[in-house]
């Protein structure tokens, strides 16, 4: 999946994950997502074991 990297007015970088991917992954808004940097230059995103602020 490729997504556009966006910036907030404050310069914070973010991207949007399409709803169909969120549903497939069983992720929800406000879940804590970890970014893992792989040795080949790619990145892996996974839902954190840390509770989201909404829990």
N, C-alpha and C. Protein backbone atom coordinates (compact mmCIF):
# COMPACT_ATOMS: atom_id res chain seq x y z
N UNK A 1 0.85 -1.17 0.00
CA UNK A 1 0.00 0.00 0.00
C UNK A 1 0.90 1.23 0.00
N UNK A 2 0.58 2.19 -0.81
CA UNK A 2 1.26 3.48 -0.81
C UNK A 2 0.26 4.54 -0.39
N UNK A 3 0.73 5.44 0.48
CA UNK A 3 -0.13 6.52 0.94
C UNK A 3 0.64 7.83 0.86
N UNK A 4 -0.07 8.92 0.78
CA UNK A 4 0.55 10.24 0.74
C UNK A 4 0.90 10.69 2.16
N UNK A 5 2.11 11.19 2.33
CA UNK A 5 2.54 11.73 3.61
C UNK A 5 2.06 13.18 3.66
N UNK A 6 1.38 13.54 4.74
CA UNK A 6 0.83 14.88 4.89
C UNK A 6 1.46 15.56 6.11
N UNK A 7 1.23 16.85 6.25
CA UNK A 7 1.73 17.63 7.39
C UNK A 7 0.59 18.46 7.96
N UNK A 8 0.58 18.55 9.29
CA UNK A 8 -0.38 19.43 9.95
C UNK A 8 0.13 20.86 9.82
N UNK A 9 -0.69 21.81 10.24
CA UNK A 9 -0.26 23.22 10.23
C UNK A 9 0.96 23.45 11.11
N UNK A 10 1.12 22.58 12.13
CA UNK A 10 2.27 22.68 13.04
C UNK A 10 3.50 21.94 12.51
N UNK A 11 3.39 21.31 11.35
CA UNK A 11 4.51 20.61 10.75
C UNK A 11 4.63 19.15 11.12
N UNK A 12 3.67 18.62 11.89
CA UNK A 12 3.71 17.21 12.26
C UNK A 12 3.36 16.36 11.05
N UNK A 13 4.12 15.31 10.82
CA UNK A 13 3.94 14.43 9.67
C UNK A 13 2.95 13.31 10.04
N UNK A 14 2.05 12.97 9.10
CA UNK A 14 1.11 11.88 9.33
C UNK A 14 0.64 11.32 7.99
N UNK A 15 -0.02 10.18 8.03
CA UNK A 15 -0.67 9.64 6.83
C UNK A 15 -1.96 8.97 7.26
N UNK A 16 -2.85 8.87 6.32
CA UNK A 16 -4.16 8.26 6.57
C UNK A 16 -4.17 6.83 6.04
N UNK A 17 -4.68 5.92 6.84
CA UNK A 17 -4.83 4.53 6.41
C UNK A 17 -6.27 4.36 5.95
N UNK A 18 -6.47 3.91 4.70
CA UNK A 18 -7.84 3.75 4.18
C UNK A 18 -8.70 2.85 5.07
N UNK A 19 -9.98 3.18 5.17
CA UNK A 19 -10.91 2.46 6.05
C UNK A 19 -10.92 0.96 5.80
N UNK A 20 -10.82 0.52 4.54
CA UNK A 20 -10.87 -0.92 4.26
C UNK A 20 -9.67 -1.64 4.87
N UNK A 21 -8.51 -0.98 4.94
CA UNK A 21 -7.35 -1.58 5.58
C UNK A 21 -7.53 -1.61 7.10
N UNK A 22 -8.08 -0.54 7.66
CA UNK A 22 -8.33 -0.52 9.10
C UNK A 22 -9.27 -1.65 9.50
N UNK A 23 -10.29 -1.89 8.71
CA UNK A 23 -11.25 -2.96 8.99
C UNK A 23 -10.57 -4.32 8.90
N UNK A 24 -9.77 -4.54 7.85
CA UNK A 24 -9.07 -5.82 7.69
C UNK A 24 -8.09 -6.07 8.84
N UNK A 25 -7.43 -5.03 9.31
CA UNK A 25 -6.45 -5.15 10.39
C UNK A 25 -7.07 -5.17 11.78
N UNK A 26 -8.36 -4.81 11.84
CA UNK A 26 -9.08 -4.66 13.12
C UNK A 26 -8.45 -3.56 13.97
N UNK A 27 -8.00 -2.51 13.29
CA UNK A 27 -7.47 -1.33 13.97
C UNK A 27 -8.58 -0.30 14.05
N UNK A 28 -8.50 0.56 15.07
CA UNK A 28 -9.48 1.62 15.26
C UNK A 28 -8.77 2.93 15.49
N UNK A 29 -9.50 4.01 15.26
CA UNK A 29 -8.97 5.33 15.55
C UNK A 29 -8.52 5.35 17.01
N UNK A 30 -7.38 5.92 17.28
CA UNK A 30 -6.78 6.07 18.62
C UNK A 30 -6.02 4.83 19.09
N UNK A 31 -5.98 3.74 18.29
CA UNK A 31 -5.10 2.63 18.64
C UNK A 31 -3.66 3.12 18.60
N UNK A 32 -2.82 2.55 19.44
CA UNK A 32 -1.40 2.89 19.43
C UNK A 32 -0.72 1.98 18.41
N UNK A 33 -0.07 2.58 17.41
CA UNK A 33 0.58 1.83 16.34
C UNK A 33 2.09 2.04 16.44
N UNK A 34 2.84 0.94 16.39
CA UNK A 34 4.30 1.01 16.43
C UNK A 34 4.86 1.00 15.01
N UNK A 35 5.93 1.72 14.80
CA UNK A 35 6.64 1.71 13.53
C UNK A 35 7.99 1.04 13.77
N UNK A 36 8.22 -0.05 13.06
CA UNK A 36 9.46 -0.81 13.20
C UNK A 36 10.28 -0.60 11.94
N UNK A 37 11.53 -0.19 12.10
CA UNK A 37 12.44 0.03 10.97
C UNK A 37 13.16 -1.28 10.67
N UNK A 38 12.95 -1.81 9.47
CA UNK A 38 13.55 -3.07 9.06
C UNK A 38 14.93 -2.85 8.46
N UNK A 39 15.75 -3.89 8.46
CA UNK A 39 17.12 -3.81 7.94
C UNK A 39 17.20 -3.50 6.45
N UNK A 40 16.12 -3.74 5.72
CA UNK A 40 16.13 -3.50 4.27
C UNK A 40 15.63 -2.11 3.89
N UNK A 41 15.42 -1.26 4.88
CA UNK A 41 14.95 0.11 4.61
C UNK A 41 13.44 0.26 4.65
N UNK A 42 12.71 -0.83 4.71
CA UNK A 42 11.25 -0.75 4.79
C UNK A 42 10.84 -0.56 6.24
N UNK A 43 9.56 -0.35 6.44
CA UNK A 43 9.02 -0.19 7.78
C UNK A 43 7.82 -1.10 7.95
N UNK A 44 7.64 -1.57 9.16
CA UNK A 44 6.49 -2.41 9.50
C UNK A 44 5.67 -1.66 10.54
N UNK A 45 4.36 -1.59 10.33
CA UNK A 45 3.45 -1.00 11.30
C UNK A 45 2.69 -2.13 11.97
N UNK A 46 2.56 -2.05 13.29
CA UNK A 46 1.76 -3.04 14.01
C UNK A 46 1.09 -2.38 15.20
N UNK A 47 -0.04 -2.95 15.57
CA UNK A 47 -0.76 -2.44 16.73
C UNK A 47 0.05 -2.75 17.98
N UNK A 48 0.22 -1.77 18.82
CA UNK A 48 1.02 -1.91 20.04
C UNK A 48 0.27 -2.70 21.08
N UNK A 49 1.02 -3.36 21.94
CA UNK A 49 0.44 -4.03 23.09
C UNK A 49 0.08 -3.04 24.18
N UNK A 50 0.56 -1.81 24.06
CA UNK A 50 0.22 -0.74 25.00
C UNK A 50 -1.23 -0.33 24.76
N UNK A 51 -2.00 -0.16 25.79
CA UNK A 51 -3.40 0.22 25.66
C UNK A 51 -3.53 1.59 25.05
N UNK A 52 -4.53 1.75 24.20
CA UNK A 52 -4.79 3.06 23.60
C UNK A 52 -5.37 3.97 24.67
N UNK A 53 -5.28 5.30 24.46
CA UNK A 53 -5.81 6.24 25.44
C UNK A 53 -7.30 6.07 25.71
N UNK A 54 -8.03 5.49 24.75
CA UNK A 54 -9.48 5.31 24.91
C UNK A 54 -9.81 4.12 25.79
N UNK A 55 -8.83 3.21 26.04
CA UNK A 55 -9.09 2.00 26.85
C UNK A 55 -9.10 2.30 28.32
